[in-house]
PDB file of N, CA and C in Angstrom:
ATOM      1  N   MET A   1      83.803  73.964 144.388  1.00  0.00           N
ATOM      2  CA  MET A   1      84.785  74.935 143.989  1.00  0.00           C
ATOM      3  C   MET A   1      86.167  74.311 144.091  1.00  0.00           C
ATOM      4  N   SER A   2      86.961  74.501 143.084  1.00  0.00           N
ATOM      5  CA  SER A   2      88.297  73.920 143.034  1.00  0.00           C
ATOM      6  C   SER A   2      89.326  74.910 143.584  1.00  0.00           C
ATOM      7  N   THR A   3      90.318  74.399 144.315  1.00  0.00           N
ATOM      8  CA  THR A   3      91.383  75.245 144.848  1.00  0.00           C
ATOM      9  C   THR A   3      92.676  75.080 144.044  1.00  0.00           C
ATOM     10  N   TYR A   4      92.601  74.444 142.902  1.00  0.00           N
ATOM     11  CA  TYR A   4      93.770  74.235 142.057  1.00  0.00           C
ATOM     12  C   TYR A   4      94.168  75.529 141.366  1.00  0.00           C
ATOM     13  N   VAL A   5      95.438  75.857 141.414  1.00  0.00           N
ATOM     14  CA  VAL A   5      95.976  77.031 140.734  1.00  0.00           C
ATOM     15  C   VAL A   5      97.071  76.538 139.800  1.00  0.00           C
ATOM     16  N   SER A   6      96.999  76.954 138.547  1.00  0.00           N
ATOM     17  CA  SER A   6      97.980  76.478 137.575  1.00  0.00           C
ATOM     18  C   SER A   6      99.376  77.005 137.913  1.00  0.00           C
ATOM     19  N   ASP A   7     100.389  76.351 137.364  1.00  0.00           N
ATOM     20  CA  ASP A   7     101.768  76.746 137.631  1.00  0.00           C
ATOM     21  C   ASP A   7     102.071  78.144 137.110  1.00  0.00           C
ATOM     22  N   GLU A   8     101.478  78.519 135.972  1.00  0.00           N
ATOM     23  CA  GLU A   8     101.712  79.847 135.418  1.00  0.00           C
ATOM     24  C   GLU A   8     101.151  80.934 136.331  1.00  0.00           C
ATOM     25  N   VAL A   9      99.954  80.701 136.850  1.00  0.00           N
ATOM     26  CA  VAL A   9      99.322  81.673 137.750  1.00  0.00           C
ATOM     27  C   VAL A   9     100.110  81.750 139.056  1.00  0.00           C
ATOM     28  N   ARG A  10     100.545  80.615 139.565  1.00  0.00           N
ATOM     29  CA  ARG A  10     101.327  80.585 140.810  1.00  0.00           C
ATOM     30  C   ARG A  10     102.644  81.361 140.636  1.00  0.00           C
ATOM     31  N   ALA A  11     103.317  81.173 139.494  1.00  0.00           N
ATOM     32  CA  ALA A  11     104.574  81.879 139.226  1.00  0.00           C
ATOM     33  C   ALA A  11     104.334  83.388 139.096  1.00  0.00           C
ATOM     34  N   ALA A  12     103.240  83.774 138.450  1.00  0.00           N
ATOM     35  CA  ALA A  12     102.920  85.194 138.296  1.00  0.00           C
ATOM     36  C   ALA A  12     102.606  85.832 139.648  1.00  0.00           C
ATOM     37  N   LEU A  13     101.880  85.118 140.517  1.00  0.00           N
ATOM     38  CA  LEU A  13     101.579  85.628 141.854  1.00  0.00           C
ATOM     39  C   LEU A  13     102.853  85.793 142.684  1.00  0.00           C
ATOM     40  N   GLU A  14     103.753  84.835 142.583  1.00  0.00           N
ATOM     41  CA  GLU A  14     105.018  84.904 143.316  1.00  0.00           C
ATOM     42  C   GLU A  14     105.876  86.067 142.823  1.00  0.00           C
ATOM     43  N   ALA A  15     105.928  86.279 141.506  1.00  0.00           N
ATOM     44  CA  ALA A  15     106.690  87.396 140.935  1.00  0.00           C
ATOM     45  C   ALA A  15     106.102  88.734 141.378  1.00  0.00           C
ATOM     46  N   ALA A  16     104.791  88.829 141.421  1.00  0.00           N
ATOM     47  CA  ALA A  16     104.136  90.067 141.864  1.00  0.00           C
ATOM     48  C   ALA A  16     104.406  90.324 143.340  1.00  0.00           C
ATOM     49  N   ARG A  17     104.413  89.272 144.152  1.00  0.00           N
ATOM     50  CA  ARG A  17     104.702  89.427 145.582  1.00  0.00           C
ATOM     51  C   ARG A  17     106.123  89.939 145.800  1.00  0.00           C
ATOM     52  N   LEU A  18     107.104  89.358 145.107  1.00  0.00           N
ATOM     53  CA  LEU A  18     108.493  89.797 145.241  1.00  0.00           C
ATOM     54  C   LEU A  18     108.681  91.230 144.737  1.00  0.00           C
ATOM     55  N   LYS A  19     107.984  91.585 143.650  1.00  0.00           N
ATOM     56  CA  LYS A  19     108.076  92.945 143.117  1.00  0.00           C
ATOM     57  C   LYS A  19     107.527  93.952 144.121  1.00  0.00           C
ATOM     58  N   GLY A  20     106.435  93.601 144.775  1.00  0.00           N
ATOM     59  CA  GLY A  20     105.855  94.469 145.797  1.00  0.00           C
ATOM     60  C   GLY A  20     106.771  94.644 146.991  1.00  0.00           C
ATOM     61  N   LEU A  21     107.441  93.570 147.415  1.00  0.00           N
ATOM     62  CA  LEU A  21     108.377  93.667 148.530  1.00  0.00           C
ATOM     63  C   LEU A  21     109.572  94.544 148.177  1.00  0.00           C
ATOM     64  N   ARG A  22     110.057  94.449 146.943  1.00  0.00           N
ATOM     65  CA  ARG A  22     111.191  95.274 146.508  1.00  0.00           C
ATOM     66  C   ARG A  22     110.829  96.752 146.503  1.00  0.00           C
ATOM     67  N   LYS A  23     109.604  97.088 146.081  1.00  0.00           N
ATOM     68  CA  LYS A  23     109.177  98.486 146.008  1.00  0.00           C
ATOM     69  C   LYS A  23     109.040  99.113 147.391  1.00  0.00           C
ATOM     70  N   VAL A  24     108.525  98.371 148.337  1.00  0.00           N
ATOM     71  CA  VAL A  24     108.209  98.906 149.657  1.00  0.00           C
ATOM     72  C   VAL A  24     109.463  99.115 150.502  1.00  0.00           C
ATOM     73  N   SER A  25     110.426  98.231 150.397  1.00  0.00           N
ATOM     74  CA  SER A  25     111.573  98.245 151.294  1.00  0.00           C
ATOM     75  C   SER A  25     112.647  99.236 150.854  1.00  0.00           C
ATOM     76  N   ARG A  26     113.133 100.035 151.819  1.00  0.00           N
ATOM     77  CA  ARG A  26     114.273 100.919 151.580  1.00  0.00           C
ATOM     78  C   ARG A  26     115.556 100.270 152.056  1.00  0.00           C
ATOM     79  N   LEU A  27     115.424  99.146 152.730  1.00  0.00           N
ATOM     80  CA  LEU A  27     116.583  98.476 153.300  1.00  0.00           C
ATOM     81  C   LEU A  27     117.415  97.809 152.213  1.00  0.00           C
ATOM     82  N   ARG A  28     118.739  97.814 152.420  1.00  0.00           N
ATOM     83  CA  ARG A  28     119.630  97.124 151.499  1.00  0.00           C
ATOM     84  C   ARG A  28     120.851  96.659 152.264  1.00  0.00           C
ATOM     85  N   VAL A  29     121.502  95.651 151.723  1.00  0.00           N
ATOM     86  CA  VAL A  29     122.672  95.071 152.366  1.00  0.00           C
ATOM     87  C   VAL A  29     123.870  95.227 151.429  1.00  0.00           C
ATOM     88  N   LEU A  30     125.014  95.618 151.996  1.00  0.00           N
ATOM     89  CA  LEU A  30     126.246  95.782 151.236  1.00  0.00           C
ATOM     90  C   LEU A  30     127.132  94.583 151.512  1.00  0.00           C
ATOM     91  N   ALA A  31     127.410  93.815 150.464  1.00  0.00           N
ATOM     92  CA  ALA A  31     128.265  92.637 150.590  1.00  0.00           C
ATOM     93  C   ALA A  31     129.162  92.558 149.364  1.00  0.00           C
ATOM     94  N   ASP A  32     130.457  92.418 149.579  1.00  0.00           N
ATOM     95  CA  ASP A  32     131.440  92.305 148.496  1.00  0.00           C
ATOM     96  C   ASP A  32     131.378  93.495 147.543  1.00  0.00           C
ATOM     97  N   GLY A  33     131.118  94.686 148.059  1.00  0.00           N
ATOM     98  CA  GLY A  33     131.099  95.896 147.247  1.00  0.00           C
ATOM     99  C   GLY A  33     129.845  96.116 146.434  1.00  0.00           C
ATOM    100  N   ALA A  34     128.827  95.293 146.609  1.00  0.00           N
ATOM    101  CA  ALA A  34     127.573  95.426 145.858  1.00  0.00           C
ATOM    102  C   ALA A  34     126.392  95.506 146.824  1.00  0.00           C
ATOM    103  N   PHE A  35     125.419  96.352 146.471  1.00  0.00           N
ATOM    104  CA  PHE A  35     124.201  96.478 147.278  1.00  0.00           C
ATOM    105  C   PHE A  35     123.140  95.509 146.766  1.00  0.00           C
ATOM    106  N   HIS A  36     122.424  94.894 147.696  1.00  0.00           N
ATOM    107  CA  HIS A  36     121.316  93.995 147.381  1.00  0.00           C
ATOM    108  C   HIS A  36     120.107  94.442 148.184  1.00  0.00           C
ATOM    109  N   PRO A  37     118.925  94.572 147.563  1.00  0.00           N
ATOM    110  CA  PRO A  37     117.739  95.006 148.311  1.00  0.00           C
ATOM    111  C   PRO A  37     117.289  93.943 149.309  1.00  0.00           C
ATOM    112  N   VAL A  38     116.939  94.390 150.499  1.00  0.00           N
ATOM    113  CA  VAL A  38     116.420  93.509 151.546  1.00  0.00           C
ATOM    114  C   VAL A  38     114.911  93.478 151.425  1.00  0.00           C
ATOM    115  N   LEU A  39     114.343  92.295 151.298  1.00  0.00           N
ATOM    116  CA  LEU A  39     112.892  92.175 151.149  1.00  0.00           C
ATOM    117  C   LEU A  39     112.182  92.258 152.489  1.00  0.00           C
ATOM    118  N   ARG A  40     112.693  91.528 153.471  1.00  0.00           N
ATOM    119  CA  ARG A  40     112.084  91.526 154.807  1.00  0.00           C
ATOM    120  C   ARG A  40     113.192  91.558 155.854  1.00  0.00           C
ATOM    121  N   LEU A  41     112.901  92.170 156.999  1.00  0.00           N
ATOM    122  CA  LEU A  41     113.838  92.230 158.115  1.00  0.00           C
ATOM    123  C   LEU A  41     113.088  91.852 159.378  1.00  0.00           C
ATOM    124  N   TRP A  42     113.667  91.003 160.197  1.00  0.00           N
ATOM    125  CA  TRP A  42     113.090  90.649 161.491  1.00  0.00           C
ATOM    126  C   TRP A  42     114.195  90.693 162.524  1.00  0.00           C
ATOM    127  N   ARG A  43     113.881  90.401 163.767  1.00  0.00           N
ATOM    128  CA  ARG A  43     114.809  90.555 164.878  1.00  0.00           C
ATOM    129  C   ARG A  43     116.086  89.757 164.706  1.00  0.00           C
ATOM    130  N   ASP A  44     115.998  88.548 164.188  1.00  0.00           N
ATOM    131  CA  ASP A  44     117.155  87.660 164.102  1.00  0.00           C
ATOM    132  C   ASP A  44     117.707  87.510 162.696  1.00  0.00           C
ATOM    133  N   GLY A  45     117.196  88.249 161.712  1.00  0.00           N
ATOM    134  CA  GLY A  45     117.716  88.082 160.360  1.00  0.00           C
ATOM    135  C   GLY A  45     116.978  88.902 159.327  1.00  0.00           C
ATOM    136  N   PHE A  46     117.214  88.548 158.062  1.00  0.00           N
ATOM    137  CA  PHE A  46     116.596  89.253 156.945  1.00  0.00           C
ATOM    138  C   PHE A  46     116.536  88.322 155.747  1.00  0.00           C
ATOM    139  N   SER A  47     115.863  88.778 154.678  1.00  0.00           N
ATOM    140  CA  SER A  47     115.787  87.983 153.459  1.00  0.00           C
ATOM    141  C   SER A  47     116.077  88.867 152.257  1.00  0.00           C
ATOM    142  N   VAL A  48     116.674  88.263 151.242  1.00  0.00           N
ATOM    143  CA  VAL A  48     116.934  88.925 149.966  1.00  0.00           C
ATOM    144  C   VAL A  48     116.418  88.029 148.856  1.00  0.00           C
ATOM    145  N   GLU A  49     116.274  88.605 147.668  1.00  0.00           N
ATOM    146  CA  GLU A  49     115.785  87.840 146.529  1.00  0.00           C
ATOM    147  C   GLU A  49     116.843  86.828 146.100  1.00  0.00           C
ATOM    148  N   ALA A  50     116.432  85.601 145.855  1.00  0.00           N
ATOM    149  CA  ALA A  50     117.362  84.515 145.544  1.00  0.00           C
ATOM    150  C   ALA A  50     118.075  84.732 144.214  1.00  0.00           C
ATOM    151  N   GLU A  51     117.397  85.284 143.219  1.00  0.00           N
ATOM    152  CA  GLU A  51     117.992  85.434 141.891  1.00  0.00           C
ATOM    153  C   GLU A  51     119.073  86.501 141.846  1.00  0.00           C
ATOM    154  N   THR A  52     118.878  87.615 142.543  1.00  0.00           N
ATOM    155  CA  THR A  52     119.827  88.720 142.435  1.00  0.00           C
ATOM    156  C   THR A  52     120.983  88.613 143.412  1.00  0.00           C
ATOM    157  N   ALA A  53     120.749  88.120 144.609  1.00  0.00           N
ATOM    158  CA  ALA A  53     121.787  88.138 145.631  1.00  0.00           C
ATOM    159  C   ALA A  53     122.531  86.818 145.749  1.00  0.00           C
ATOM    160  N   GLY A  54     121.894  85.733 145.439  1.00  0.00           N
ATOM    161  CA  GLY A  54     122.552  84.448 145.625  1.00  0.00           C
ATOM    162  C   GLY A  54     122.762  84.171 147.102  1.00  0.00           C
ATOM    163  N   HIS A  55     123.812  83.462 147.405  1.00  0.00           N
ATOM    164  CA  HIS A  55     124.096  83.125 148.802  1.00  0.00           C
ATOM    165  C   HIS A  55     125.214  84.003 149.336  1.00  0.00           C
ATOM    166  N   LEU A  56     124.855  84.976 150.140  1.00  0.00           N
ATOM    167  CA  LEU A  56     125.811  85.850 150.805  1.00  0.00           C
ATOM    168  C   LEU A  56     126.293  85.142 152.064  1.00  0.00           C
ATOM    169  N   ARG A  57     127.455  85.553 152.551  1.00  0.00           N
ATOM    170  CA  ARG A  57     127.914  85.031 153.827  1.00  0.00           C
ATOM    171  C   ARG A  57     129.011  85.928 154.362  1.00  0.00           C
ATOM    172  N   GLY A  58     129.215  85.857 155.650  1.00  0.00           N
ATOM    173  CA  GLY A  58     130.273  86.630 156.278  1.00  0.00           C
ATOM    174  C   GLY A  58     129.792  87.962 156.808  1.00  0.00           C
ATOM    175  N   LEU A  59     130.689  88.944 156.756  1.00  0.00           N
ATOM    176  CA  LEU A  59     130.421  90.261 157.324  1.00  0.00           C
ATOM    177  C   LEU A  59     129.786  91.172 156.273  1.00  0.00           C
ATOM    178  N   VAL A  60     128.604  91.712 156.576  1.00  0.00           N
ATOM    179  CA  VAL A  60     127.878  92.600 155.671  1.00  0.00           C
ATOM    180  C   VAL A  60     127.425  93.839 156.446  1.00  0.00           C
ATOM    181  N   ASP A  61     127.099  94.901 155.703  1.00  0.00           N
ATOM    182  CA  ASP A  61     126.579  96.127 156.299  1.00  0.00           C
ATOM    183  C   ASP A  61     125.129  96.310 155.877  1.00  0.00           C
ATOM    184  N   LEU A  62     124.275  96.677 156.814  1.00  0.00           N
ATOM    185  CA  LEU A  62     122.852  96.870 156.565  1.00  0.00           C
ATOM    186  C   LEU A  62     122.547  98.358 156.565  1.00  0.00           C
ATOM    187  N   TYR A  63     121.868  98.839 155.506  1.00  0.00           N
ATOM    188  CA  TYR A  63     121.556 100.257 155.328  1.00  0.00           C
ATOM    189  C   TYR A  63     120.050 100.455 155.188  1.00  0.00           C
ATOM    190  N   ASP A  64     119.579 101.611 155.683  1.00  0.00           N
ATOM    191  CA  ASP A  64     118.223 102.081 155.429  1.00  0.00           C
ATOM    192  C   ASP A  64     118.370 103.338 154.599  1.00  0.00           C
ATOM    193  N   GLY A  65     118.259 103.211 153.291  1.00  0.00           N
ATOM    194  CA  GLY A  65     118.566 104.318 152.399  1.00  0.00           C
ATOM    195  C   GLY A  65     120.062 104.575 152.440  1.00  0.00           C
ATOM    196  N   GLU A  66     120.464 105.766 152.913  1.00  0.00           N
ATOM    197  CA  GLU A  66     121.883 106.102 153.046  1.00  0.00           C
ATOM    198  C   GLU A  66     122.389 105.969 154.474  1.00  0.00           C
ATOM    199  N   VAL A  67     121.500 105.643 155.405  1.00  0.00           N
ATOM    200  CA  VAL A  67     121.854 105.553 156.817  1.00  0.00           C
ATOM    201  C   VAL A  67     122.370 104.155 157.134  1.00  0.00           C
ATOM    202  N   HIS A  68     123.595 104.089 157.667  1.00  0.00           N
ATOM    203  CA  HIS A  68     124.203 102.815 158.038  1.00  0.00           C
ATOM    204  C   HIS A  68     123.601 102.364 159.364  1.00  0.00           C
ATOM    205  N   LEU A  69     122.847 101.259 159.348  1.00  0.00           N
ATOM    206  CA  LEU A  69     122.180 100.780 160.552  1.00  0.00           C
ATOM    207  C   LEU A  69     123.082  99.913 161.414  1.00  0.00           C
ATOM    208  N   CYS A  70     123.662  98.878 160.800  1.00  0.00           N
ATOM    209  CA  CYS A  70     124.470  97.956 161.581  1.00  0.00           C
ATOM    210  C   CYS A  70     125.406  97.147 160.690  1.00  0.00           C
ATOM    211  N   GLN A  71     126.381  96.546 161.347  1.00  0.00           N
ATOM    212  CA  GLN A  71     127.286  95.628 160.683  1.00  0.00           C
ATOM    213  C   GLN A  71     126.958  94.248 161.232  1.00  0.00           C
ATOM    214  N   CYS A  72     126.779  93.275 160.331  1.00  0.00           N
ATOM    215  CA  CYS A  72     126.272  91.977 160.741  1.00  0.00           C
ATOM    216  C   CYS A  72     127.158  90.851 160.225  1.00  0.00           C
ATOM    217  N   LEU A  73     127.287  89.825 161.030  1.00  0.00           N
ATOM    218  CA  LEU A  73     127.889  88.579 160.604  1.00  0.00           C
ATOM    219  C   LEU A  73     126.723  87.636 160.354  1.00  0.00           C
ATOM    220  N   ILE A  74     126.592  87.141 159.109  1.00  0.00           N
ATOM    221  CA  ILE A  74     125.389  86.392 158.731  1.00  0.00           C
ATOM    222  C   ILE A  74     125.739  84.985 158.271  1.00  0.00           C
ATOM    223  N   VAL A  75     124.723  84.141 158.307  1.00  0.00           N
ATOM    224  CA  VAL A  75     124.799  82.789 157.786  1.00  0.00           C
ATOM    225  C   VAL A  75     123.459  82.483 157.110  1.00  0.00           C
ATOM    226  N   ALA A  76     123.509  81.780 155.978  1.00  0.00           N
ATOM    227  CA  ALA A  76     122.278  81.436 155.256  1.00  0.00           C
ATOM    228  C   ALA A  76     121.482  80.423 156.064  1.00  0.00           C
ATOM    229  N   ALA A  77     120.187  80.678 156.209  1.00  0.00           N
ATOM    230  CA  ALA A  77     119.330  79.806 157.003  1.00  0.00           C
ATOM    231  C   ALA A  77     118.425  78.947 156.140  1.00  0.00           C
ATOM    232  N   GLY A  78     118.221  79.331 154.885  1.00  0.00           N
ATOM    233  CA  GLY A  78     117.353  78.546 154.023  1.00  0.00           C
ATOM    234  C   GLY A  78     116.817  79.376 152.883  1.00  0.00           C
ATOM    235  N   GLU A  79     115.980  78.737 152.090  1.00  0.00           N
ATOM    236  CA  GLU A  79     115.376  79.404 150.948  1.00  0.00           C
ATOM    237  C   GLU A  79     113.914  79.001 150.874  1.00  0.00           C
ATOM    238  N   GLU A  80     113.063  80.005 150.664  1.00  0.00           N
ATOM    239  CA  GLU A  80     111.638  79.709 150.506  1.00  0.00           C
ATOM    240  C   GLU A  80     110.974  80.804 149.687  1.00  0.00           C
ATOM    241  N   GLY A  81     110.170  80.426 148.753  1.00  0.00           N
ATOM    242  CA  GLY A  81     109.380  81.365 147.965  1.00  0.00           C
ATOM    243  C   GLY A  81     110.189  82.375 147.187  1.00  0.00           C
ATOM    244  N   GLY A  82     111.335  81.999 146.646  1.00  0.00           N
ATOM    245  CA  GLY A  82     112.147  82.934 145.873  1.00  0.00           C
ATOM    246  C   GLY A  82     112.992  83.864 146.717  1.00  0.00           C
ATOM    247  N   GLU A  83     113.036  83.650 148.030  1.00  0.00           N
ATOM    248  CA  GLU A  83     113.829  84.458 148.943  1.00  0.00           C
ATOM    249  C   GLU A  83     114.870  83.581 149.628  1.00  0.00           C
ATOM    250  N   VAL A  84     116.046  84.146 149.869  1.00  0.00           N
ATOM    251  CA  VAL A  84     117.055  83.477 150.682  1.00  0.00           C
ATOM    252  C   VAL A  84     117.006  84.113 152.056  1.00  0.00           C
ATOM    253  N   LEU A  85     116.862  83.279 153.083  1.00  0.00           N
ATOM    254  CA  LEU A  85     116.756  83.757 154.456  1.00  0.00           C
ATOM    255  C   LEU A  85     118.120  83.699 155.123  1.00  0.00           C
ATOM    256  N   PHE A  86     118.487  84.754 155.839  1.00  0.00           N
ATOM    257  CA  PHE A  86     119.755  84.833 156.545  1.00  0.00           C
ATOM    258  C   PHE A  86     119.494  85.099 158.016  1.00  0.00           C
ATOM    259  N   GLU A  87     120.333  84.527 158.866  1.00  0.00           N
ATOM    260  CA  GLU A  87     120.256  84.763 160.302  1.00  0.00           C
ATOM    261  C   GLU A  87     121.509  85.498 160.746  1.00  0.00           C
ATOM    262  N   PHE A  88     121.341  86.354 161.763  1.00  0.00           N
ATOM    263  CA  PHE A  88     122.468  87.076 162.331  1.00  0.00           C
ATOM    264  C   PHE A  88     123.192  86.181 163.327  1.00  0.00           C
ATOM    265  N   LYS A  89     124.501  86.060 163.164  1.00  0.00           N
ATOM    266  CA  LYS A  89     125.315  85.447 164.206  1.00  0.00           C
ATOM    267  C   LYS A  89     125.750  86.533 165.180  1.00  0.00           C
ATOM    268  N   ARG A  90     125.958  87.738 164.613  1.00  0.00           N
ATOM    269  CA  ARG A  90     126.316  88.913 165.406  1.00  0.00           C
ATOM    270  C   ARG A  90     125.787  90.136 164.674  1.00  0.00           C
ATOM    271  N   SER A  91     125.293  91.104 165.426  1.00  0.00           N
ATOM    272  CA  SER A  91     124.809  92.351 164.845  1.00  0.00           C
ATOM    273  C   SER A  91     125.252  93.503 165.733  1.00  0.00           C
ATOM    274  N   THR A  92     126.061  94.417 165.176  1.00  0.00           N
ATOM    275  CA  THR A  92     126.576  95.546 165.926  1.00  0.00           C
ATOM    276  C   THR A  92     126.005  96.832 165.347  1.00  0.00           C
ATOM    277  N   ILE A  93     125.357  97.622 166.175  1.00  0.00           N
ATOM    278  CA  ILE A  93     124.755  98.875 165.730  1.00  0.00           C
ATOM    279  C   ILE A  93     125.862  99.850 165.340  1.00  0.00           C
ATOM    280  N   ALA A  94     125.693 100.495 164.196  1.00  0.00           N
ATOM    281  CA  ALA A  94     126.677 101.457 163.693  1.00  0.00           C
ATOM    282  C   ALA A  94     126.509 102.794 164.412  1.00  0.00           C
ATOM    283  N   ALA A  95     127.628 103.434 164.715  1.00  0.00           N
ATOM    284  CA  ALA A  95     127.612 104.750 165.359  1.00  0.00           C
ATOM    285  C   ALA A  95     128.474 105.700 164.542  1.00  0.00           C
ATOM    286  N   ASP A  96     128.170 106.986 164.614  1.00  0.00           N
ATOM    287  CA  ASP A  96     128.945 107.964 163.856  1.00  0.00           C
ATOM    288  C   ASP A  96     130.143 108.500 164.637  1.00  0.00           C
ATOM    289  N   HIS A  97     130.356 108.008 165.858  1.00  0.00           N
ATOM    290  CA  HIS A  97     131.509 108.409 166.660  1.00  0.00           C
ATOM    291  C   HIS A  97     132.005 107.207 167.462  1.00  0.00           C
ATOM    292  N   ALA A  98     133.253 107.285 167.879  1.00  0.00           N
ATOM    293  CA  ALA A  98     133.826 106.190 168.666  1.00  0.00           C
ATOM    294  C   ALA A  98     133.252 106.227 170.083  1.00  0.00           C
ATOM    295  N   PRO A  99     133.072 105.067 170.701  1.00  0.00           N
ATOM    296  CA  PRO A  99     132.552 105.054 172.069  1.00  0.00           C
ATOM    297  C   PRO A  99     133.590 105.624 173.048  1.00  0.00           C
ATOM    298  N   ALA A 100     133.113 106.337 174.061  1.00  0.00           N
ATOM    299  CA  ALA A 100     134.006 106.904 175.070  1.00  0.00           C
ATOM    300  C   ALA A 100     134.375 105.821 176.079  1.00  0.00           C
ATOM    301  N   ASP A 101     135.637 105.807 176.487  1.00  0.00           N
ATOM    302  CA  ASP A 101     136.069 104.823 177.472  1.00  0.00           C
ATOM    303  C   ASP A 101     136.230 105.456 178.857  1.00  0.00           C
ATOM    304  N   PHE A 102     135.507 106.560 179.071  1.00  0.00           N
ATOM    305  CA  PHE A 102     135.534 107.237 180.353  1.00  0.00           C
ATOM    306  C   PHE A 102     134.160 107.839 180.602  1.00  0.00           C
ATOM    307  N   TYR A 103     133.891 108.214 181.862  1.00  0.00           N
ATOM    308  CA  TYR A 103     132.610 108.798 182.246  1.00  0.00           C
ATOM    309  C   TYR A 103     132.618 110.294 181.938  1.00  0.00           C
ATOM    310  N   ARG A 104     131.580 110.775 181.282  1.00  0.00           N
ATOM    311  CA  ARG A 104     131.431 112.209 181.027  1.00  0.00           C
ATOM    312  C   ARG A 104     130.379 112.761 181.976  1.00  0.00           C
ATOM    313  N   ASP A 105     130.799 113.701 182.788  1.00  0.00           N
ATOM    314  CA  ASP A 105     129.894 114.333 183.732  1.00  0.00           C
ATOM    315  C   ASP A 105     128.922 115.221 182.959  1.00  0.00           C
ATOM    316  N   PRO A 106     127.600 115.022 183.113  1.00  0.00           N
ATOM    317  CA  PRO A 106     126.641 115.833 182.364  1.00  0.00           C
ATOM    318  C   PRO A 106     126.712 117.319 182.712  1.00  0.00           C
ATOM    319  N   GLY A 107     127.210 117.662 183.898  1.00  0.00           N
ATOM    320  CA  GLY A 107     127.289 119.064 184.310  1.00  0.00           C
ATOM    321  C   GLY A 107     128.628 119.710 183.997  1.00  0.00           C
ATOM    322  N   ALA A 108     129.532 118.981 183.369  1.00  0.00           N
ATOM    323  CA  ALA A 108     130.860 119.522 183.071  1.00  0.00           C
ATOM    324  C   ALA A 108     130.762 120.563 181.957  1.00  0.00           C
ATOM    325  N   PRO A 109     131.674 121.558 181.976  1.00  0.00           N
ATOM    326  CA  PRO A 109     131.650 122.553 180.893  1.00  0.00           C
ATOM    327  C   PRO A 109     132.012 121.927 179.558  1.00  0.00           C
ATOM    328  N   VAL A 110     131.435 122.464 178.501  1.00  0.00           N
ATOM    329  CA  VAL A 110     131.687 121.949 177.181  1.00  0.00           C
ATOM    330  C   VAL A 110     133.007 122.466 176.638  1.00  0.00           C
ATOM    331  N   ALA A 111     133.328 123.727 176.926  1.00  0.00           N
ATOM    332  CA  ALA A 111     134.558 124.333 176.447  1.00  0.00           C
ATOM    333  C   ALA A 111     135.010 125.398 177.454  1.00  0.00           C
ATOM    334  N   LEU A 112     136.253 125.818 177.314  1.00  0.00           N
ATOM    335  CA  LEU A 112     136.773 126.882 178.165  1.00  0.00           C
ATOM    336  C   LEU A 112     136.640 128.215 177.454  1.00  0.00           C
ATOM    337  N   ILE A 113     136.315 129.250 178.217  1.00  0.00           N
ATOM    338  CA  ILE A 113     136.196 130.607 177.643  1.00  0.00           C
ATOM    339  C   ILE A 113     137.476 131.350 177.965  1.00  0.00           C
ATOM    340  N   GLY A 114     138.148 131.848 176.939  1.00  0.00           N
ATOM    341  CA  GLY A 114     139.401 132.591 177.132  1.00  0.00           C
ATOM    342  C   GLY A 114     139.145 134.017 177.551  1.00  0.00           C
ATOM    343  N   ARG A 115     140.198 134.691 177.990  1.00  0.00           N
ATOM    344  CA  ARG A 115     140.056 136.083 178.437  1.00  0.00           C
ATOM    345  C   ARG A 115     139.964 137.053 177.325  1.00  0.00           C
TER     346      ARG A 115
END
């Protein structure tokens, strides 16, 4: 049995794999005012399609649908299989409110009741 696969079949398999990754993922990255779909995400980085995103760099925002997950400082780590791999230099979780710089007592009243 031969394990040889023609170049046309290999290219078609790779295109189908990337198409499947695009369909499954809701993640996207905002860079330079444009959204790019994230194919894979791991602890230290993520990957995007090489043809559509090119080489991103600097400060980007990572979204899951409409939910802002984090703001990341990224650097390109390499390219493999039609994907560009990026690593996080810094990743800060996004919050919908500013952090408090004082201790809040859990038993403190929430508001004052007037007379």
